[in-house]
Amino acid sequence: MEFPPVYVPGSPKITILSGASSDLAAATYCLHHETHTLGNALRWMIMKNPKVEFCGYSVPHPSEPKIHLRIQMYDSLSSLDALLEALNNLDELFATIGEAYTTSLNDDTYESFEE
């Protein structure tokens, strides 16, 4: 399956779909040029937030490189804040994993198996 480029200059990466509450306590976001890889990780990270009531994602059609991410918050808090926090947390998690992986490779502290 061939997807368009990850970044198209001038086009938004994330849009808010119609039907969002005015305070963004409940909203569906469209993440363009993304698939299950980010969708599931982001859903998992958002659900770690105790202020989140519900989070789920879907891929509207397999040939379209986008996901819809629904976030509903308790106490009329902003779902956009929860989304941005989860993106930052994932970025930190991936950086930590990358550092540990690089250190393990450089120190030869990884398991190897003979086949």
PDB file of N, CA and C in Angstrom:
ATOM      1  N   MET A   1       0.848  -1.168   0.000  1.00  0.00           N
ATOM      2  CA  MET A   1       0.000   0.000   0.000  1.00  0.00           C
ATOM      3  C   MET A   1       0.896   1.234   0.000  1.00  0.00           C
ATOM      4  N   GLU A   2       0.659   2.141  -0.914  1.00  0.00           N
ATOM      5  CA  GLU A   2       1.484   3.339  -1.063  1.00  0.00           C
ATOM      6  C   GLU A   2       0.767   4.528  -0.440  1.00  0.00           C
ATOM      7  N   PHE A   3       1.399   5.150   0.561  1.00  0.00           N
ATOM      8  CA  PHE A   3       0.823   6.312   1.211  1.00  0.00           C
ATOM      9  C   PHE A   3       1.455   7.583   0.665  1.00  0.00           C
ATOM     10  N   PRO A   4       0.715   8.707   0.731  1.00  0.00           N
ATOM     11  CA  PRO A   4       1.320   9.990   0.368  1.00  0.00           C
ATOM     12  C   PRO A   4       2.449  10.328   1.340  1.00  0.00           C
ATOM     13  N   PRO A   5       3.251  11.326   1.039  1.00  0.00           N
ATOM     14  CA  PRO A   5       4.344  11.697   1.941  1.00  0.00           C
ATOM     15  C   PRO A   5       3.837  11.977   3.349  1.00  0.00           C
ATOM     16  N   VAL A   6       4.700  11.740   4.336  1.00  0.00           N
ATOM     17  CA  VAL A   6       4.319  11.948   5.728  1.00  0.00           C
ATOM     18  C   VAL A   6       3.985  13.410   5.981  1.00  0.00           C
ATOM     19  N   TYR A   7       4.738  14.307   5.403  1.00  0.00           N
ATOM     20  CA  TYR A   7       4.486  15.729   5.616  1.00  0.00           C
ATOM     21  C   TYR A   7       4.226  16.410   4.284  1.00  0.00           C
ATOM     22  N   VAL A   8       3.096  17.044   4.184  1.00  0.00           N
ATOM     23  CA  VAL A   8       2.758  17.828   3.006  1.00  0.00           C
ATOM     24  C   VAL A   8       2.750  19.287   3.448  1.00  0.00           C
ATOM     25  N   PRO A   9       3.681  20.093   2.967  1.00  0.00           N
ATOM     26  CA  PRO A   9       3.752  21.493   3.400  1.00  0.00           C
ATOM     27  C   PRO A   9       2.411  22.206   3.259  1.00  0.00           C
ATOM     28  N   GLY A  10       2.024  22.884   4.325  1.00  0.00           N
ATOM     29  CA  GLY A  10       0.781  23.644   4.316  1.00  0.00           C
ATOM     30  C   GLY A  10      -0.442  22.875   4.756  1.00  0.00           C
ATOM     31  N   SER A  11      -0.352  21.564   4.872  1.00  0.00           N
ATOM     32  CA  SER A  11      -1.523  20.797   5.304  1.00  0.00           C
ATOM     33  C   SER A  11      -1.412  20.486   6.797  1.00  0.00           C
ATOM     34  N   PRO A  12      -2.545  20.487   7.498  1.00  0.00           N
ATOM     35  CA  PRO A  12      -2.501  20.212   8.945  1.00  0.00           C
ATOM     36  C   PRO A  12      -2.228  18.739   9.227  1.00  0.00           C
ATOM     37  N   LYS A  13      -1.516  18.469  10.285  1.00  0.00           N
ATOM     38  CA  LYS A  13      -1.234  17.093  10.709  1.00  0.00           C
ATOM     39  C   LYS A  13      -2.403  16.542  11.523  1.00  0.00           C
ATOM     40  N   ILE A  14      -3.016  17.406  12.351  1.00  0.00           N
ATOM     41  CA  ILE A  14      -4.144  17.011  13.195  1.00  0.00           C
ATOM     42  C   ILE A  14      -5.278  18.000  12.972  1.00  0.00           C
ATOM     43  N   THR A  15      -6.492  17.473  12.788  1.00  0.00           N
ATOM     44  CA  THR A  15      -7.674  18.325  12.704  1.00  0.00           C
ATOM     45  C   THR A  15      -8.715  17.817  13.692  1.00  0.00           C
ATOM     46  N   ILE A  16      -9.581  18.723  14.131  1.00  0.00           N
ATOM     47  CA  ILE A  16     -10.685  18.357  15.020  1.00  0.00           C
ATOM     48  C   ILE A  16     -11.914  18.165  14.138  1.00  0.00           C
ATOM     49  N   LEU A  17     -12.535  16.996  14.242  1.00  0.00           N
ATOM     50  CA  LEU A  17     -13.709  16.704  13.423  1.00  0.00           C
ATOM     51  C   LEU A  17     -14.945  17.381  14.002  1.00  0.00           C
ATOM     52  N   SER A  18     -15.943  17.590  13.167  1.00  0.00           N
ATOM     53  CA  SER A  18     -17.179  18.231  13.618  1.00  0.00           C
ATOM     54  C   SER A  18     -17.846  17.365  14.681  1.00  0.00           C
ATOM     55  N   GLY A  19     -18.582  18.023  15.563  1.00  0.00           N
ATOM     56  CA  GLY A  19     -19.265  17.313  16.639  1.00  0.00           C
ATOM     57  C   GLY A  19     -18.560  17.415  17.971  1.00  0.00           C
ATOM     58  N   ALA A  20     -17.426  18.103  18.018  1.00  0.00           N
ATOM     59  CA  ALA A  20     -16.699  18.266  19.284  1.00  0.00           C
ATOM     60  C   ALA A  20     -17.469  19.219  20.186  1.00  0.00           C
ATOM     61  N   SER A  21     -17.399  18.971  21.493  1.00  0.00           N
ATOM     62  CA  SER A  21     -18.040  19.886  22.434  1.00  0.00           C
ATOM     63  C   SER A  21     -17.284  21.212  22.424  1.00  0.00           C
ATOM     64  N   SER A  22     -17.974  22.288  22.782  1.00  0.00           N
ATOM     65  CA  SER A  22     -17.364  23.621  22.703  1.00  0.00           C
ATOM     66  C   SER A  22     -16.157  23.771  23.619  1.00  0.00           C
ATOM     67  N   ASP A  23     -16.134  23.041  24.741  1.00  0.00           N
ATOM     68  CA  ASP A  23     -14.991  23.115  25.660  1.00  0.00           C
ATOM     69  C   ASP A  23     -13.942  22.037  25.371  1.00  0.00           C
ATOM     70  N   LEU A  24     -14.153  21.263  24.308  1.00  0.00           N
ATOM     71  CA  LEU A  24     -13.269  20.165  23.891  1.00  0.00           C
ATOM     72  C   LEU A  24     -13.138  19.065  24.944  1.00  0.00           C
ATOM     73  N   ALA A  25     -14.128  18.957  25.842  1.00  0.00           N
ATOM     74  CA  ALA A  25     -14.117  17.859  26.809  1.00  0.00           C
ATOM     75  C   ALA A  25     -14.346  16.527  26.098  1.00  0.00           C
ATOM     76  N   ALA A  26     -15.002  16.575  24.958  1.00  0.00           N
ATOM     77  CA  ALA A  26     -15.206  15.390  24.122  1.00  0.00           C
ATOM     78  C   ALA A  26     -14.968  15.813  22.678  1.00  0.00           C
ATOM     79  N   ALA A  27     -14.032  15.149  22.028  1.00  0.00           N
ATOM     80  CA  ALA A  27     -13.713  15.515  20.646  1.00  0.00           C
ATOM     81  C   ALA A  27     -13.112  14.325  19.918  1.00  0.00           C
ATOM     82  N   THR A  28     -13.290  14.336  18.603  1.00  0.00           N
ATOM     83  CA  THR A  28     -12.650  13.352  17.740  1.00  0.00           C
ATOM     84  C   THR A  28     -11.635  14.082  16.879  1.00  0.00           C
ATOM     85  N   TYR A  29     -10.410  13.591  16.922  1.00  0.00           N
ATOM     86  CA  TYR A  29      -9.309  14.192  16.180  1.00  0.00           C
ATOM     87  C   TYR A  29      -8.958  13.291  15.006  1.00  0.00           C
ATOM     88  N   CYS A  30      -8.624  13.900  13.887  1.00  0.00           N
ATOM     89  CA  CYS A  30      -8.144  13.153  12.729  1.00  0.00           C
ATOM     90  C   CYS A  30      -6.642  13.382  12.635  1.00  0.00           C
ATOM     91  N   LEU A  31      -5.871  12.313  12.727  1.00  0.00           N
ATOM     92  CA  LEU A  31      -4.416  12.387  12.589  1.00  0.00           C
ATOM     93  C   LEU A  31      -4.073  11.904  11.184  1.00  0.00           C
ATOM     94  N   HIS A  32      -3.661  12.841  10.351  1.00  0.00           N
ATOM     95  CA  HIS A  32      -3.386  12.551   8.945  1.00  0.00           C
ATOM     96  C   HIS A  32      -2.031  11.869   8.784  1.00  0.00           C
ATOM     97  N   HIS A  33      -1.955  10.962   7.837  1.00  0.00           N
ATOM     98  CA  HIS A  33      -0.729  10.223   7.497  1.00  0.00           C
ATOM     99  C   HIS A  33      -0.248   9.365   8.665  1.00  0.00           C
ATOM    100  N   GLU A  34      -1.189   8.762   9.387  1.00  0.00           N
ATOM    101  CA  GLU A  34      -0.855   7.860  10.497  1.00  0.00           C
ATOM    102  C   GLU A  34      -1.670   6.583  10.374  1.00  0.00           C
ATOM    103  N   THR A  35      -1.216   5.530  11.063  1.00  0.00           N
ATOM    104  CA  THR A  35      -1.875   4.228  11.013  1.00  0.00           C
ATOM    105  C   THR A  35      -1.987   3.661  12.422  1.00  0.00           C
ATOM    106  N   HIS A  36      -2.275   2.353  12.497  1.00  0.00           N
ATOM    107  CA  HIS A  36      -2.395   1.670  13.786  1.00  0.00           C
ATOM    108  C   HIS A  36      -1.139   1.816  14.645  1.00  0.00           C
ATOM    109  N   THR A  37       0.013   1.965  14.022  1.00  0.00           N
ATOM    110  CA  THR A  37       1.268   2.040  14.771  1.00  0.00           C
ATOM    111  C   THR A  37       1.211   3.149  15.807  1.00  0.00           C
ATOM    112  N   LEU A  38       0.825   4.335  15.398  1.00  0.00           N
ATOM    113  CA  LEU A  38       0.695   5.439  16.355  1.00  0.00           C
ATOM    114  C   LEU A  38      -0.639   5.379  17.084  1.00  0.00           C
ATOM    115  N   GLY A  39      -1.694   4.976  16.396  1.00  0.00           N
ATOM    116  CA  GLY A  39      -3.030   4.972  16.993  1.00  0.00           C
ATOM    117  C   GLY A  39      -3.123   4.170  18.268  1.00  0.00           C
ATOM    118  N   ASN A  40      -2.625   2.952  18.260  1.00  0.00           N
ATOM    119  CA  ASN A  40      -2.729   2.102  19.441  1.00  0.00           C
ATOM    120  C   ASN A  40      -1.826   2.596  20.567  1.00  0.00           C
ATOM    121  N   ALA A  41      -0.617   3.027  20.240  1.00  0.00           N
ATOM    122  CA  ALA A  41       0.294   3.547  21.271  1.00  0.00           C
ATOM    123  C   ALA A  41      -0.271   4.812  21.901  1.00  0.00           C
ATOM    124  N   LEU A  42      -0.842   5.678  21.092  1.00  0.00           N
ATOM    125  CA  LEU A  42      -1.409   6.922  21.603  1.00  0.00           C
ATOM    126  C   LEU A  42      -2.644   6.652  22.457  1.00  0.00           C
ATOM    127  N   ARG A  43      -3.498   5.738  22.016  1.00  0.00           N
ATOM    128  CA  ARG A  43      -4.678   5.368  22.804  1.00  0.00           C
ATOM    129  C   ARG A  43      -4.252   4.827  24.159  1.00  0.00           C
ATOM    130  N   TRP A  44      -3.242   3.970  24.178  1.00  0.00           N
ATOM    131  CA  TRP A  44      -2.754   3.383  25.429  1.00  0.00           C
ATOM    132  C   TRP A  44      -2.237   4.474  26.364  1.00  0.00           C
ATOM    133  N   MET A  45      -1.450   5.404  25.830  1.00  0.00           N
ATOM    134  CA  MET A  45      -0.878   6.465  26.661  1.00  0.00           C
ATOM    135  C   MET A  45      -1.966   7.401  27.183  1.00  0.00           C
ATOM    136  N   ILE A  46      -2.941   7.726  26.360  1.00  0.00           N
ATOM    137  CA  ILE A  46      -4.028   8.607  26.798  1.00  0.00           C
ATOM    138  C   ILE A  46      -4.836   7.948  27.906  1.00  0.00           C
ATOM    139  N   MET A  47      -5.087   6.641  27.792  1.00  0.00           N
ATOM    140  CA  MET A  47      -5.879   5.945  28.817  1.00  0.00           C
ATOM    141  C   MET A  47      -5.137   5.814  30.147  1.00  0.00           C
ATOM    142  N   LYS A  48      -3.825   6.042  30.178  1.00  0.00           N
ATOM    143  CA  LYS A  48      -3.077   6.047  31.440  1.00  0.00           C
ATOM    144  C   LYS A  48      -3.417   7.283  32.274  1.00  0.00           C
ATOM    145  N   ASN A  49      -3.977   8.305  31.647  1.00  0.00           N
ATOM    146  CA  ASN A  49      -4.352   9.543  32.319  1.00  0.00           C
ATOM    147  C   ASN A  49      -5.664   9.315  33.079  1.00  0.00           C
ATOM    148  N   PRO A  50      -5.670   9.458  34.419  1.00  0.00           N
ATOM    149  CA  PRO A  50      -6.883   9.192  35.196  1.00  0.00           C
ATOM    150  C   PRO A  50      -8.009  10.196  34.941  1.00  0.00           C
ATOM    151  N   LYS A  51      -7.727  11.298  34.279  1.00  0.00           N
ATOM    152  CA  LYS A  51      -8.753  12.301  33.982  1.00  0.00           C
ATOM    153  C   LYS A  51      -9.513  11.980  32.700  1.00  0.00           C
ATOM    154  N   VAL A  52      -9.067  10.942  31.985  1.00  0.00           N
ATOM    155  CA  VAL A  52      -9.699  10.548  30.721  1.00  0.00           C
ATOM    156  C   VAL A  52     -10.785   9.515  31.000  1.00  0.00           C
ATOM    157  N   GLU A  53     -11.984   9.790  30.522  1.00  0.00           N
ATOM    158  CA  GLU A  53     -13.109   8.863  30.678  1.00  0.00           C
ATOM    159  C   GLU A  53     -13.083   7.780  29.599  1.00  0.00           C
ATOM    160  N   PHE A  54     -12.775   8.173  28.367  1.00  0.00           N
ATOM    161  CA  PHE A  54     -12.788   7.229  27.247  1.00  0.00           C
ATOM    162  C   PHE A  54     -11.796   7.679  26.185  1.00  0.00           C
ATOM    163  N   CYS A  55     -11.156   6.714  25.560  1.00  0.00           N
ATOM    164  CA  CYS A  55     -10.321   6.992  24.389  1.00  0.00           C
ATOM    165  C   CYS A  55     -10.350   5.766  23.486  1.00  0.00           C
ATOM    166  N   GLY A  56     -10.570   5.994  22.228  1.00  0.00           N
ATOM    167  CA  GLY A  56     -10.542   4.920  21.243  1.00  0.00           C
ATOM    168  C   GLY A  56     -10.136   5.488  19.898  1.00  0.00           C
ATOM    169  N   TYR A  57      -9.669   4.628  19.024  1.00  0.00           N
ATOM    170  CA  TYR A  57      -9.283   5.100  17.694  1.00  0.00           C
ATOM    171  C   TYR A  57      -9.798   4.133  16.647  1.00  0.00           C
ATOM    172  N   SER A  58      -9.907   4.628  15.436  1.00  0.00           N
ATOM    173  CA  SER A  58     -10.290   3.776  14.315  1.00  0.00           C
ATOM    174  C   SER A  58      -9.568   4.259  13.065  1.00  0.00           C
ATOM    175  N   VAL A  59      -9.429   3.349  12.129  1.00  0.00           N
ATOM    176  CA  VAL A  59      -8.905   3.683  10.805  1.00  0.00           C
ATOM    177  C   VAL A  59     -10.124   3.661   9.888  1.00  0.00           C
ATOM    178  N   PRO A  60     -10.569   4.834   9.397  1.00  0.00           N
ATOM    179  CA  PRO A  60     -11.809   4.882   8.620  1.00  0.00           C
ATOM    180  C   PRO A  60     -11.817   3.958   7.405  1.00  0.00           C
ATOM    181  N   HIS A  61     -10.688   3.866   6.707  1.00  0.00           N
ATOM    182  CA  HIS A  61     -10.588   2.978   5.554  1.00  0.00           C
ATOM    183  C   HIS A  61      -9.127   2.572   5.393  1.00  0.00           C
ATOM    184  N   PRO A  62      -8.862   1.287   5.129  1.00  0.00           N
ATOM    185  CA  PRO A  62      -7.469   0.818   5.054  1.00  0.00           C
ATOM    186  C   PRO A  62      -6.613   1.518   3.997  1.00  0.00           C
ATOM    187  N   SER A  63      -7.231   2.056   2.961  1.00  0.00           N
ATOM    188  CA  SER A  63      -6.435   2.711   1.920  1.00  0.00           C
ATOM    189  C   SER A  63      -6.190   4.190   2.204  1.00  0.00           C
ATOM    190  N   GLU A  64      -6.749   4.699   3.295  1.00  0.00           N
ATOM    191  CA  GLU A  64      -6.528   6.096   3.669  1.00  0.00           C
ATOM    192  C   GLU A  64      -5.567   6.161   4.853  1.00  0.00           C
ATOM    193  N   PRO A  65      -4.475   6.893   4.725  1.00  0.00           N
ATOM    194  CA  PRO A  65      -3.494   6.959   5.816  1.00  0.00           C
ATOM    195  C   PRO A  65      -3.893   7.978   6.883  1.00  0.00           C
ATOM    196  N   LYS A  66      -4.950   7.670   7.622  1.00  0.00           N
ATOM    197  CA  LYS A  66      -5.370   8.551   8.709  1.00  0.00           C
ATOM    198  C   LYS A  66      -6.078   7.727   9.765  1.00  0.00           C
ATOM    199  N   ILE A  67      -6.072   8.259  10.984  1.00  0.00           N
ATOM    200  CA  ILE A  67      -6.803   7.627  12.073  1.00  0.00           C
ATOM    201  C   ILE A  67      -7.706   8.669  12.711  1.00  0.00           C
ATOM    202  N   HIS A  68      -8.811   8.194  13.271  1.00  0.00           N
ATOM    203  CA  HIS A  68      -9.697   9.036  14.064  1.00  0.00           C
ATOM    204  C   HIS A  68      -9.508   8.635  15.520  1.00  0.00           C
ATOM    205  N   LEU A  69      -9.258   9.609  16.360  1.00  0.00           N
ATOM    206  CA  LEU A  69      -8.993   9.383  17.776  1.00  0.00           C
ATOM    207  C   LEU A  69     -10.052  10.118  18.580  1.00  0.00           C
ATOM    208  N   ARG A  70     -10.863   9.380  19.335  1.00  0.00           N
ATOM    209  CA  ARG A  70     -11.937   9.963  20.154  1.00  0.00           C
ATOM    210  C   ARG A  70     -11.467  10.020  21.594  1.00  0.00           C
ATOM    211  N   ILE A  71     -11.570  11.200  22.216  1.00  0.00           N
ATOM    212  CA  ILE A  71     -11.185  11.382  23.613  1.00  0.00           C
ATOM    213  C   ILE A  71     -12.339  12.053  24.341  1.00  0.00           C
ATOM    214  N   GLN A  72     -12.732  11.487  25.479  1.00  0.00           N
ATOM    215  CA  GLN A  72     -13.746  12.078  26.351  1.00  0.00           C
ATOM    216  C   GLN A  72     -13.148  12.202  27.745  1.00  0.00           C
ATOM    217  N   MET A  73     -13.310  13.391  28.326  1.00  0.00           N
ATOM    218  CA  MET A  73     -12.692  13.705  29.611  1.00  0.00           C
ATOM    219  C   MET A  73     -13.732  13.786  30.721  1.00  0.00           C
ATOM    220  N   TYR A  74     -13.285  13.562  31.950  1.00  0.00           N
ATOM    221  CA  TYR A  74     -14.103  13.830  33.129  1.00  0.00           C
ATOM    222  C   TYR A  74     -14.051  15.322  33.433  1.00  0.00           C
ATOM    223  N   ASP A  75     -15.042  15.833  34.127  1.00  0.00           N
ATOM    224  CA  ASP A  75     -15.048  17.191  34.693  1.00  0.00           C
ATOM    225  C   ASP A  75     -14.812  18.293  33.663  1.00  0.00           C
ATOM    226  N   SER A  76     -15.261  18.109  32.440  1.00  0.00           N
ATOM    227  CA  SER A  76     -15.146  19.129  31.387  1.00  0.00           C
ATOM    228  C   SER A  76     -13.720  19.616  31.141  1.00  0.00           C
ATOM    229  N   LEU A  77     -12.742  18.755  31.365  1.00  0.00           N
ATOM    230  CA  LEU A  77     -11.351  19.104  31.081  1.00  0.00           C
ATOM    231  C   LEU A  77     -11.109  19.015  29.574  1.00  0.00           C
ATOM    232  N   SER A  78     -10.034  19.598  29.102  1.00  0.00           N
ATOM    233  CA  SER A  78      -9.751  19.656  27.670  1.00  0.00           C
ATOM    234  C   SER A  78      -9.118  18.359  27.156  1.00  0.00           C
ATOM    235  N   SER A  79      -9.760  17.766  26.158  1.00  0.00           N
ATOM    236  CA  SER A  79      -9.190  16.567  25.536  1.00  0.00           C
ATOM    237  C   SER A  79      -7.933  16.918  24.738  1.00  0.00           C
ATOM    238  N   LEU A  80      -7.846  18.147  24.270  1.00  0.00           N
ATOM    239  CA  LEU A  80      -6.652  18.579  23.542  1.00  0.00           C
ATOM    240  C   LEU A  80      -5.431  18.565  24.455  1.00  0.00           C
ATOM    241  N   ASP A  81      -5.610  18.997  25.706  1.00  0.00           N
ATOM    242  CA  ASP A  81      -4.506  18.942  26.672  1.00  0.00           C
ATOM    243  C   ASP A  81      -4.061  17.500  26.903  1.00  0.00           C
ATOM    244  N   ALA A  82      -5.034  16.581  27.001  1.00  0.00           N
ATOM    245  CA  ALA A  82      -4.707  15.164  27.202  1.00  0.00           C
ATOM    246  C   ALA A  82      -3.957  14.606  25.994  1.00  0.00           C
ATOM    247  N   LEU A  83      -4.365  14.999  24.795  1.00  0.00           N
ATOM    248  CA  LEU A  83      -3.698  14.546  23.572  1.00  0.00           C
ATOM    249  C   LEU A  83      -2.257  15.056  23.521  1.00  0.00           C
ATOM    250  N   LEU A  84      -2.062  16.332  23.802  1.00  0.00           N
ATOM    251  CA  LEU A  84      -0.711  16.904  23.768  1.00  0.00           C
ATOM    252  C   LEU A  84       0.183  16.284  24.835  1.00  0.00           C
ATOM    253  N   GLU A  85      -0.374  16.046  26.019  1.00  0.00           N
ATOM    254  CA  GLU A  85       0.397  15.399  27.091  1.00  0.00           C
ATOM    255  C   GLU A  85       0.809  13.989  26.681  1.00  0.00           C
ATOM    256  N   ALA A  86      -0.112  13.240  26.076  1.00  0.00           N
ATOM    257  CA  ALA A  86       0.191  11.872  25.647  1.00  0.00           C
ATOM    258  C   ALA A  86       1.255  11.861  24.548  1.00  0.00           C
ATOM    259  N   LEU A  87       1.186  12.806  23.626  1.00  0.00           N
ATOM    260  CA  LEU A  87       2.209  12.888  22.577  1.00  0.00           C
ATOM    261  C   LEU A  87       3.582  13.177  23.175  1.00  0.00           C
ATOM    262  N   ASN A  88       3.639  14.078  24.148  1.00  0.00           N
ATOM    263  CA  ASN A  88       4.914  14.369  24.826  1.00  0.00           C
ATOM    264  C   ASN A  88       5.422  13.155  25.592  1.00  0.00           C
ATOM    265  N   ASN A  89       4.510  12.454  26.287  1.00  0.00           N
ATOM    266  CA  ASN A  89       4.906  11.262  27.046  1.00  0.00           C
ATOM    267  C   ASN A  89       5.428  10.163  26.125  1.00  0.00           C
ATOM    268  N   LEU A  90       4.784   9.975  24.978  1.00  0.00           N
ATOM    269  CA  LEU A  90       5.262   8.977  24.016  1.00  0.00           C
ATOM    270  C   LEU A  90       6.632   9.355  23.472  1.00  0.00           C
ATOM    271  N   ASP A  91       6.832  10.629  23.208  1.00  0.00           N
ATOM    272  CA  ASP A  91       8.127  11.097  22.718  1.00  0.00           C
ATOM    273  C   ASP A  91       9.225  10.787  23.735  1.00  0.00           C
ATOM    274  N   GLU A  92       8.947  11.044  25.015  1.00  0.00           N
ATOM    275  CA  GLU A  92       9.919  10.741  26.071  1.00  0.00           C
ATOM    276  C   GLU A  92      10.157   9.238  26.190  1.00  0.00           C
ATOM    277  N   LEU A  93       9.084   8.444  26.095  1.00  0.00           N
ATOM    278  CA  LEU A  93       9.203   6.989  26.180  1.00  0.00           C
ATOM    279  C   LEU A  93      10.064   6.446  25.040  1.00  0.00           C
ATOM    280  N   PHE A  94       9.814   6.918  23.821  1.00  0.00           N
ATOM    281  CA  PHE A  94      10.591   6.450  22.673  1.00  0.00           C
ATOM    282  C   PHE A  94      12.051   6.858  22.789  1.00  0.00           C
ATOM    283  N   ALA A  95      12.311   8.041  23.324  1.00  0.00           N
ATOM    284  CA  ALA A  95      13.695   8.490  23.518  1.00  0.00           C
ATOM    285  C   ALA A  95      14.401   7.596  24.533  1.00  0.00           C
ATOM    286  N   THR A  96      13.709   7.248  25.616  1.00  0.00           N
ATOM    287  CA  THR A  96      14.283   6.370  26.644  1.00  0.00           C
ATOM    288  C   THR A  96      14.581   4.987  26.073  1.00  0.00           C
ATOM    289  N   ILE A  97      13.643   4.447  25.314  1.00  0.00           N
ATOM    290  CA  ILE A  97      13.847   3.133  24.700  1.00  0.00           C
ATOM    291  C   ILE A  97      15.021   3.187  23.721  1.00  0.00           C
ATOM    292  N   GLY A  98      15.093   4.236  22.925  1.00  0.00           N
ATOM    293  CA  GLY A  98      16.192   4.386  21.973  1.00  0.00           C
ATOM    294  C   GLY A  98      17.546   4.469  22.652  1.00  0.00           C
ATOM    295  N   GLU A  99      17.619   5.209  23.764  1.00  0.00           N
ATOM    296  CA  GLU A  99      18.876   5.320  24.513  1.00  0.00           C
ATOM    297  C   GLU A  99      19.283   3.973  25.101  1.00  0.00           C
ATOM    298  N   ALA A 100      18.315   3.251  25.680  1.00  0.00           N
ATOM    299  CA  ALA A 100      18.614   1.943  26.265  1.00  0.00           C
ATOM    300  C   ALA A 100      19.073   0.963  25.186  1.00  0.00           C
ATOM    301  N   TYR A 101      18.444   1.010  24.027  1.00  0.00           N
ATOM    302  CA  TYR A 101      18.812   0.133  22.919  1.00  0.00           C
ATOM    303  C   TYR A 101      20.238   0.430  22.445  1.00  0.00           C
ATOM    304  N   THR A 102      20.542   1.706  22.262  1.00  0.00           N
ATOM    305  CA  THR A 102      21.880   2.103  21.814  1.00  0.00           C
ATOM    306  C   THR A 102      22.942   1.717  22.831  1.00  0.00           C
ATOM    307  N   THR A 103      22.660   1.941  24.105  1.00  0.00           N
ATOM    308  CA  THR A 103      23.602   1.575  25.168  1.00  0.00           C
ATOM    309  C   THR A 103      23.845   0.076  25.175  1.00  0.00           C
ATOM    310  N   SER A 104      22.773  -0.699  25.043  1.00  0.00           N
ATOM    311  CA  SER A 104      22.893  -2.151  25.023  1.00  0.00           C
ATOM    312  C   SER A 104      23.746  -2.618  23.842  1.00  0.00           C
ATOM    313  N   LEU A 105      23.547  -2.024  22.687  1.00  0.00           N
ATOM    314  CA  LEU A 105      24.349  -2.395  21.518  1.00  0.00           C
ATOM    315  C   LEU A 105      25.814  -2.023  21.705  1.00  0.00           C
ATOM    316  N   ASN A 106      26.059  -0.840  22.218  1.00  0.00           N
ATOM    317  CA  ASN A 106      27.437  -0.373  22.397  1.00  0.00           C
ATOM    318  C   ASN A 106      28.185  -1.158  23.468  1.00  0.00           C
ATOM    319  N   ASP A 107      27.482  -1.605  24.505  1.00  0.00           N
ATOM    320  CA  ASP A 107      28.115  -2.331  25.612  1.00  0.00           C
ATOM    321  C   ASP A 107      28.112  -3.842  25.414  1.00  0.00           C
ATOM    322  N   ASP A 108      27.554  -4.314  24.317  1.00  0.00           N
ATOM    323  CA  ASP A 108      27.400  -5.759  24.078  1.00  0.00           C
ATOM    324  C   ASP A 108      26.673  -6.450  25.221  1.00  0.00           C
ATOM    325  N   THR A 109      25.645  -5.809  25.769  1.00  0.00           N
ATOM    326  CA  THR A 109      24.886  -6.398  26.874  1.00  0.00           C
ATOM    327  C   THR A 109      23.527  -6.907  26.389  1.00  0.00           C
ATOM    328  N   TYR A 110      23.535  -7.519  25.248  1.00  0.00           N
ATOM    329  CA  TYR A 110      22.301  -8.060  24.709  1.00  0.00           C
ATOM    330  C   TYR A 110      22.464  -9.564  24.530  1.00  0.00           C
ATOM    331  N   GLU A 111      21.336 -10.248  24.480  1.00  0.00           N
ATOM    332  CA  GLU A 111      21.366 -11.700  24.291  1.00  0.00           C
ATOM    333  C   GLU A 111      21.531 -12.016  22.812  1.00  0.00           C
ATOM    334  N   SER A 112      22.314 -13.023  22.519  1.00  0.00           N
ATOM    335  CA  SER A 112      22.415 -13.498  21.143  1.00  0.00           C
ATOM    336  C   SER A 112      22.182 -15.002  21.140  1.00  0.00           C
ATOM    337  N   PHE A 113      21.614 -15.475  20.070  1.00  0.00           N
ATOM    338  CA  PHE A 113      21.269 -16.881  19.958  1.00  0.00           C
ATOM    339  C   PHE A 113      21.906 -17.467  18.709  1.00  0.00           C
ATOM    340  N   GLU A 114      22.443 -18.651  18.846  1.00  0.00           N
ATOM    341  CA  GLU A 114      23.001 -19.376  17.705  1.00  0.00           C
ATOM    342  C   GLU A 114      21.894 -20.219  17.096  1.00  0.00           C
ATOM    343  N   GLU A 115      21.795 -20.183  15.795  1.00  0.00           N
ATOM    344  CA  GLU A 115      20.784 -21.016  15.125  1.00  0.00           C
ATOM    345  C   GLU A 115      21.447 -22.126  14.368  1.00  0.00           C
TER     346      GLU A 115
END
